Amino acid sequence: MRMPVVLVGNKADLALQSREVKTDEGKKLAESWGAIFLESSAKESQVTQGIFLKIIEEIDRMDNSNSGSTGCCLM
């Protein structure tokens, strides 16, 4: 069973030149993993709820593409 992978970069509030990993680097790494890339910032209250919703959407998408193959249901 394939599980979704989401790579999340934090401290998105930092200026681009101050970041350890640039957005483009994160996107490229996520792409090489077949993952989704998102960024977040607790300082600017960028809600992490959106990250969890994206993970749930991806699980649901994968579950629907495999429907009937395992007889399991993810809720």
PDB file of N, CA and C in Angstrom:
ATOM      1  N   MET A   1       0.839  -1.175   0.000  1.00  0.00           N
ATOM      2  CA  MET A   1       0.000   0.000   0.000  1.00  0.00           C
ATOM      3  C   MET A   1       0.885   1.239   0.000  1.00  0.00           C
ATOM      4  N   ARG A   2       0.625   2.145  -0.896  1.00  0.00           N
ATOM      5  CA  ARG A   2       1.393   3.376  -0.997  1.00  0.00           C
ATOM      6  C   ARG A   2       0.813   4.414  -0.045  1.00  0.00           C
ATOM      7  N   MET A   3       1.660   5.077   0.716  1.00  0.00           N
ATOM      8  CA  MET A   3       1.234   6.113   1.649  1.00  0.00           C
ATOM      9  C   MET A   3       1.687   7.468   1.126  1.00  0.00           C
ATOM     10  N   PRO A   4       0.872   8.488   1.333  1.00  0.00           N
ATOM     11  CA  PRO A   4       1.266   9.816   0.871  1.00  0.00           C
ATOM     12  C   PRO A   4       2.411  10.372   1.713  1.00  0.00           C
ATOM     13  N   VAL A   5       3.250  11.147   1.060  1.00  0.00           N
ATOM     14  CA  VAL A   5       4.355  11.809   1.744  1.00  0.00           C
ATOM     15  C   VAL A   5       4.194  13.303   1.522  1.00  0.00           C
ATOM     16  N   VAL A   6       4.263  14.055   2.608  1.00  0.00           N
ATOM     17  CA  VAL A   6       4.178  15.506   2.530  1.00  0.00           C
ATOM     18  C   VAL A   6       5.414  16.072   3.216  1.00  0.00           C
ATOM     19  N   LEU A   7       6.175  16.854   2.477  1.00  0.00           N
ATOM     20  CA  LEU A   7       7.356  17.516   3.013  1.00  0.00           C
ATOM     21  C   LEU A   7       6.951  18.940   3.371  1.00  0.00           C
ATOM     22  N   VAL A   8       7.143  19.321   4.632  1.00  0.00           N
ATOM     23  CA  VAL A   8       6.731  20.648   5.096  1.00  0.00           C
ATOM     24  C   VAL A   8       7.956  21.430   5.538  1.00  0.00           C
ATOM     25  N   GLY A   9       8.143  22.576   4.900  1.00  0.00           N
ATOM     26  CA  GLY A   9       9.197  23.493   5.318  1.00  0.00           C
ATOM     27  C   GLY A   9       8.618  24.465   6.327  1.00  0.00           C
ATOM     28  N   ASN A  10       9.303  24.634   7.461  1.00  0.00           N
ATOM     29  CA  ASN A  10       8.796  25.574   8.447  1.00  0.00           C
ATOM     30  C   ASN A  10       9.569  26.882   8.385  1.00  0.00           C
ATOM     31  N   LYS A  11       9.165  27.821   9.191  1.00  0.00           N
ATOM     32  CA  LYS A  11       9.764  29.159   9.244  1.00  0.00           C
ATOM     33  C   LYS A  11       9.650  29.865   7.895  1.00  0.00           C
ATOM     34  N   ALA A  12       8.503  29.729   7.257  1.00  0.00           N
ATOM     35  CA  ALA A  12       8.273  30.365   5.965  1.00  0.00           C
ATOM     36  C   ALA A  12       8.275  31.885   6.080  1.00  0.00           C
ATOM     37  N   ASP A  13       8.226  32.394   7.307  1.00  0.00           N
ATOM     38  CA  ASP A  13       8.236  33.838   7.531  1.00  0.00           C
ATOM     39  C   ASP A  13       9.618  34.452   7.335  1.00  0.00           C
ATOM     40  N   LEU A  14      10.669  33.633   7.343  1.00  0.00           N
ATOM     41  CA  LEU A  14      12.025  34.160   7.170  1.00  0.00           C
ATOM     42  C   LEU A  14      12.236  34.657   5.743  1.00  0.00           C
ATOM     43  N   ALA A  15      13.068  35.678   5.622  1.00  0.00           N
ATOM     44  CA  ALA A  15      13.434  36.173   4.295  1.00  0.00           C
ATOM     45  C   ALA A  15      14.143  35.053   3.542  1.00  0.00           C
ATOM     46  N   LEU A  16      13.965  35.029   2.228  1.00  0.00           N
ATOM     47  CA  LEU A  16      14.530  33.943   1.418  1.00  0.00           C
ATOM     48  C   LEU A  16      16.022  33.743   1.652  1.00  0.00           C
ATOM     49  N   GLN A  17      16.770  34.832   1.797  1.00  0.00           N
ATOM     50  CA  GLN A  17      18.219  34.697   1.979  1.00  0.00           C
ATOM     51  C   GLN A  17      18.584  34.149   3.359  1.00  0.00           C
ATOM     52  N   SER A  18      17.650  34.167   4.313  1.00  0.00           N
ATOM     53  CA  SER A  18      17.918  33.665   5.667  1.00  0.00           C
ATOM     54  C   SER A  18      17.558  32.199   5.855  1.00  0.00           C
ATOM     55  N   ARG A  19      16.927  31.604   4.882  1.00  0.00           N
ATOM     56  CA  ARG A  19      16.450  30.228   5.023  1.00  0.00           C
ATOM     57  C   ARG A  19      17.578  29.223   4.818  1.00  0.00           C
ATOM     58  N   GLU A  20      17.520  28.149   5.596  1.00  0.00           N
ATOM     59  CA  GLU A  20      18.471  27.046   5.422  1.00  0.00           C
ATOM     60  C   GLU A  20      18.199  26.318   4.108  1.00  0.00           C
ATOM     61  N   VAL A  21      16.919  26.130   3.798  1.00  0.00           N
ATOM     62  CA  VAL A  21      16.504  25.436   2.573  1.00  0.00           C
ATOM     63  C   VAL A  21      15.559  26.362   1.816  1.00  0.00           C
ATOM     64  N   LYS A  22      15.899  26.675   0.597  1.00  0.00           N
ATOM     65  CA  LYS A  22      15.061  27.545  -0.234  1.00  0.00           C
ATOM     66  C   LYS A  22      13.821  26.795  -0.697  1.00  0.00           C
ATOM     67  N   THR A  23      12.777  27.540  -1.008  1.00  0.00           N
ATOM     68  CA  THR A  23      11.514  26.945  -1.459  1.00  0.00           C
ATOM     69  C   THR A  23      11.730  26.038  -2.659  1.00  0.00           C
ATOM     70  N   ASP A  24      12.500  26.499  -3.636  1.00  0.00           N
ATOM     71  CA  ASP A  24      12.742  25.687  -4.838  1.00  0.00           C
ATOM     72  C   ASP A  24      13.441  24.367  -4.504  1.00  0.00           C
ATOM     73  N   GLU A  25      14.367  24.409  -3.551  1.00  0.00           N
ATOM     74  CA  GLU A  25      15.052  23.178  -3.137  1.00  0.00           C
ATOM     75  C   GLU A  25      14.070  22.200  -2.500  1.00  0.00           C
ATOM     76  N   GLY A  26      13.189  22.727  -1.663  1.00  0.00           N
ATOM     77  CA  GLY A  26      12.173  21.889  -1.026  1.00  0.00           C
ATOM     78  C   GLY A  26      11.247  21.269  -2.046  1.00  0.00           C
ATOM     79  N   LYS A  27      10.832  22.076  -3.029  1.00  0.00           N
ATOM     80  CA  LYS A  27       9.947  21.567  -4.084  1.00  0.00           C
ATOM     81  C   LYS A  27      10.630  20.471  -4.896  1.00  0.00           C
ATOM     82  N   LYS A  28      11.897  20.685  -5.230  1.00  0.00           N
ATOM     83  CA  LYS A  28      12.632  19.685  -6.014  1.00  0.00           C
ATOM     84  C   LYS A  28      12.798  18.381  -5.236  1.00  0.00           C
ATOM     85  N   LEU A  29      13.113  18.495  -3.955  1.00  0.00           N
ATOM     86  CA  LEU A  29      13.269  17.295  -3.133  1.00  0.00           C
ATOM     87  C   LEU A  29      11.946  16.549  -3.030  1.00  0.00           C
ATOM     88  N   ALA A  30      10.871  17.289  -2.769  1.00  0.00           N
ATOM     89  CA  ALA A  30       9.551  16.662  -2.677  1.00  0.00           C
ATOM     90  C   ALA A  30       9.191  15.973  -3.988  1.00  0.00           C
ATOM     91  N   GLU A  31       9.473  16.629  -5.093  1.00  0.00           N
ATOM     92  CA  GLU A  31       9.180  16.039  -6.405  1.00  0.00           C
ATOM     93  C   GLU A  31       9.968  14.747  -6.609  1.00  0.00           C
ATOM     94  N   SER A  32      11.231  14.736  -6.193  1.00  0.00           N
ATOM     95  CA  SER A  32      12.049  13.526  -6.358  1.00  0.00           C
ATOM     96  C   SER A  32      11.526  12.375  -5.497  1.00  0.00           C
ATOM     97  N   TRP A  33      10.836  12.701  -4.417  1.00  0.00           N
ATOM     98  CA  TRP A  33      10.231  11.689  -3.544  1.00  0.00           C
ATOM     99  C   TRP A  33       8.818  11.333  -3.971  1.00  0.00           C
ATOM    100  N   GLY A  34       8.269  12.055  -4.947  1.00  0.00           N
ATOM    101  CA  GLY A  34       6.865  11.870  -5.308  1.00  0.00           C
ATOM    102  C   GLY A  34       5.955  12.409  -4.219  1.00  0.00           C
ATOM    103  N   ALA A  35       6.415  13.466  -3.554  1.00  0.00           N
ATOM    104  CA  ALA A  35       5.710  14.027  -2.401  1.00  0.00           C
ATOM    105  C   ALA A  35       5.119  15.393  -2.722  1.00  0.00           C
ATOM    106  N   ILE A  36       4.294  15.850  -1.818  1.00  0.00           N
ATOM    107  CA  ILE A  36       3.726  17.198  -1.874  1.00  0.00           C
ATOM    108  C   ILE A  36       4.625  18.089  -1.024  1.00  0.00           C
ATOM    109  N   PHE A  37       4.845  19.335  -1.459  1.00  0.00           N
ATOM    110  CA  PHE A  37       5.643  20.279  -0.678  1.00  0.00           C
ATOM    111  C   PHE A  37       4.764  21.427  -0.222  1.00  0.00           C
ATOM    112  N   LEU A  38       4.816  21.714   1.072  1.00  0.00           N
ATOM    113  CA  LEU A  38       4.088  22.837   1.654  1.00  0.00           C
ATOM    114  C   LEU A  38       5.029  23.594   2.578  1.00  0.00           C
ATOM    115  N   GLU A  39       4.699  24.858   2.833  1.00  0.00           N
ATOM    116  CA  GLU A  39       5.469  25.644   3.787  1.00  0.00           C
ATOM    117  C   GLU A  39       4.544  26.171   4.869  1.00  0.00           C
ATOM    118  N   SER A  40       5.117  26.417   6.040  1.00  0.00           N
ATOM    119  CA  SER A  40       4.327  26.857   7.182  1.00  0.00           C
ATOM    120  C   SER A  40       5.135  27.829   8.027  1.00  0.00           C
ATOM    121  N   SER A  41       4.422  28.650   8.782  1.00  0.00           N
ATOM    122  CA  SER A  41       5.064  29.560   9.719  1.00  0.00           C
ATOM    123  C   SER A  41       4.202  29.697  10.963  1.00  0.00           C
ATOM    124  N   ALA A  42       4.708  29.231  12.079  1.00  0.00           N
ATOM    125  CA  ALA A  42       3.984  29.394  13.344  1.00  0.00           C
ATOM    126  C   ALA A  42       4.018  30.852  13.786  1.00  0.00           C
ATOM    127  N   LYS A  43       5.102  31.536  13.480  1.00  0.00           N
ATOM    128  CA  LYS A  43       5.253  32.933  13.891  1.00  0.00           C
ATOM    129  C   LYS A  43       4.172  33.810  13.283  1.00  0.00           C
ATOM    130  N   GLU A  44       3.871  33.601  12.027  1.00  0.00           N
ATOM    131  CA  GLU A  44       2.851  34.403  11.350  1.00  0.00           C
ATOM    132  C   GLU A  44       1.491  33.720  11.385  1.00  0.00           C
ATOM    133  N   SER A  45       1.374  32.724  12.239  1.00  0.00           N
ATOM    134  CA  SER A  45       0.105  32.003  12.440  1.00  0.00           C
ATOM    135  C   SER A  45      -0.455  31.405  11.157  1.00  0.00           C
ATOM    136  N   GLN A  46       0.435  30.998  10.267  1.00  0.00           N
ATOM    137  CA  GLN A  46      -0.040  30.256   9.102  1.00  0.00           C
ATOM    138  C   GLN A  46      -0.529  28.926   9.643  1.00  0.00           C
ATOM    139  N   VAL A  47      -1.810  28.687   9.478  1.00  0.00           N
ATOM    140  CA  VAL A  47      -2.469  27.564  10.131  1.00  0.00           C
ATOM    141  C   VAL A  47      -1.936  26.228   9.631  1.00  0.00           C
ATOM    142  N   THR A  48      -1.490  25.422  10.575  1.00  0.00           N
ATOM    143  CA  THR A  48      -1.015  24.089  10.225  1.00  0.00           C
ATOM    144  C   THR A  48      -2.176  23.158   9.907  1.00  0.00           C
ATOM    145  N   GLN A  49      -3.383  23.597  10.237  1.00  0.00           N
ATOM    146  CA  GLN A  49      -4.566  22.790   9.919  1.00  0.00           C
ATOM    147  C   GLN A  49      -4.616  22.497   8.423  1.00  0.00           C
ATOM    148  N   GLY A  50      -4.243  23.467   7.605  1.00  0.00           N
ATOM    149  CA  GLY A  50      -4.244  23.277   6.162  1.00  0.00           C
ATOM    150  C   GLY A  50      -3.318  22.155   5.727  1.00  0.00           C
ATOM    151  N   ILE A  51      -2.212  21.987   6.435  1.00  0.00           N
ATOM    152  CA  ILE A  51      -1.281  20.908   6.124  1.00  0.00           C
ATOM    153  C   ILE A  51      -1.943  19.562   6.385  1.00  0.00           C
ATOM    154  N   PHE A  52      -2.597  19.448   7.524  1.00  0.00           N
ATOM    155  CA  PHE A  52      -3.266  18.188   7.855  1.00  0.00           C
ATOM    156  C   PHE A  52      -4.427  17.912   6.905  1.00  0.00           C
ATOM    157  N   LEU A  53      -5.137  18.955   6.488  1.00  0.00           N
ATOM    158  CA  LEU A  53      -6.221  18.768   5.520  1.00  0.00           C
ATOM    159  C   LEU A  53      -5.674  18.260   4.192  1.00  0.00           C
ATOM    160  N   LYS A  54      -4.522  18.781   3.776  1.00  0.00           N
ATOM    161  CA  LYS A  54      -3.897  18.332   2.529  1.00  0.00           C
ATOM    162  C   LYS A  54      -3.497  16.860   2.633  1.00  0.00           C
ATOM    163  N   ILE A  55      -2.978  16.455   3.783  1.00  0.00           N
ATOM    164  CA  ILE A  55      -2.613  15.052   3.984  1.00  0.00           C
ATOM    165  C   ILE A  55      -3.852  14.172   3.892  1.00  0.00           C
ATOM    166  N   ILE A  56      -4.937  14.599   4.536  1.00  0.00           N
ATOM    167  CA  ILE A  56      -6.185  13.833   4.491  1.00  0.00           C
ATOM    168  C   ILE A  56      -6.708  13.736   3.063  1.00  0.00           C
ATOM    169  N   GLU A  57      -6.656  14.845   2.316  1.00  0.00           N
ATOM    170  CA  GLU A  57      -7.090  14.828   0.910  1.00  0.00           C
ATOM    171  C   GLU A  57      -6.275  13.821   0.107  1.00  0.00           C
ATOM    172  N   GLU A  58      -4.970  13.812   0.330  1.00  0.00           N
ATOM    173  CA  GLU A  58      -4.086  12.911  -0.416  1.00  0.00           C
ATOM    174  C   GLU A  58      -4.371  11.455  -0.056  1.00  0.00           C
ATOM    175  N   ILE A  59      -4.590  11.179   1.233  1.00  0.00           N
ATOM    176  CA  ILE A  59      -4.937   9.819   1.655  1.00  0.00           C
ATOM    177  C   ILE A  59      -6.242   9.396   1.004  1.00  0.00           C
ATOM    178  N   ASP A  60      -7.220  10.291   1.015  1.00  0.00           N
ATOM    179  CA  ASP A  60      -8.520   9.987   0.415  1.00  0.00           C
ATOM    180  C   ASP A  60      -8.385   9.736  -1.087  1.00  0.00           C
ATOM    181  N   ARG A  61      -7.570  10.567  -1.759  1.00  0.00           N
ATOM    182  CA  ARG A  61      -7.363  10.395  -3.203  1.00  0.00           C
ATOM    183  C   ARG A  61      -6.735   9.035  -3.488  1.00  0.00           C
ATOM    184  N   MET A  62      -5.729   8.670  -2.706  1.00  0.00           N
ATOM    185  CA  MET A  62      -5.064   7.379  -2.907  1.00  0.00           C
ATOM    186  C   MET A  62      -6.002   6.227  -2.571  1.00  0.00           C
ATOM    187  N   ASP A  63      -6.784   6.397  -1.517  1.00  0.00           N
ATOM    188  CA  ASP A  63      -7.725   5.356  -1.112  1.00  0.00           C
ATOM    189  C   ASP A  63      -8.767   5.134  -2.201  1.00  0.00           C
ATOM    190  N   ASN A  64      -9.251   6.216  -2.800  1.00  0.00           N
ATOM    191  CA  ASN A  64     -10.248   6.098  -3.865  1.00  0.00           C
ATOM    192  C   ASN A  64      -9.672   5.471  -5.125  1.00  0.00           C
ATOM    193  N   SER A  65      -8.395   5.725  -5.396  1.00  0.00           N
ATOM    194  CA  SER A  65      -7.793   5.139  -6.594  1.00  0.00           C
ATOM    195  C   SER A  65      -7.558   3.643  -6.417  1.00  0.00           C
ATOM    196  N   ASN A  66      -7.528   3.186  -5.165  1.00  0.00           N
ATOM    197  CA  ASN A  66      -7.328   1.765  -4.879  1.00  0.00           C
ATOM    198  C   ASN A  66      -8.598   1.102  -4.370  1.00  0.00           C
ATOM    199  N   SER A  67      -9.737   1.754  -4.512  1.00  0.00           N
ATOM    200  CA  SER A  67     -10.960   1.237  -3.899  1.00  0.00           C
ATOM    201  C   SER A  67     -11.262  -0.176  -4.377  1.00  0.00           C
ATOM    202  N   GLY A  68     -11.640  -1.004  -3.435  1.00  0.00           N
ATOM    203  CA  GLY A  68     -11.981  -2.387  -3.737  1.00  0.00           C
ATOM    204  C   GLY A  68     -10.801  -3.329  -3.751  1.00  0.00           C
ATOM    205  N   SER A  69      -9.586  -2.811  -3.748  1.00  0.00           N
ATOM    206  CA  SER A  69      -8.435  -3.701  -3.857  1.00  0.00           C
ATOM    207  C   SER A  69      -8.076  -4.384  -2.539  1.00  0.00           C
ATOM    208  N   THR A  70      -8.370  -3.746  -1.398  1.00  0.00           N
ATOM    209  CA  THR A  70      -7.970  -4.336  -0.124  1.00  0.00           C
ATOM    210  C   THR A  70      -9.141  -4.682   0.781  1.00  0.00           C
ATOM    211  N   GLY A  71     -10.294  -4.113   0.518  1.00  0.00           N
ATOM    212  CA  GLY A  71     -11.439  -4.330   1.391  1.00  0.00           C
ATOM    213  C   GLY A  71     -11.371  -3.505   2.657  1.00  0.00           C
ATOM    214  N   CYS A  72     -10.378  -2.606   2.769  1.00  0.00           N
ATOM    215  CA  CYS A  72     -10.237  -1.752   3.946  1.00  0.00           C
ATOM    216  C   CYS A  72     -10.841  -0.385   3.670  1.00  0.00           C
ATOM    217  N   CYS A  73     -11.202   0.285   4.734  1.00  0.00           N
ATOM    218  CA  CYS A  73     -11.761   1.627   4.617  1.00  0.00           C
ATOM    219  C   CYS A  73     -11.015   2.541   5.570  1.00  0.00           C
ATOM    220  N   LEU A  74     -10.504   3.654   5.074  1.00  0.00           N
ATOM    221  CA  LEU A  74      -9.804   4.622   5.896  1.00  0.00           C
ATOM    222  C   LEU A  74     -10.763   5.738   6.237  1.00  0.00           C
ATOM    223  N   MET A  75     -10.926   5.982   7.517  1.00  0.00           N
ATOM    224  CA  MET A  75     -11.854   7.040   7.952  1.00  0.00           C
ATOM    225  C   MET A  75     -11.123   8.096   8.730  1.00  0.00           C
TER     226      MET A  75
END
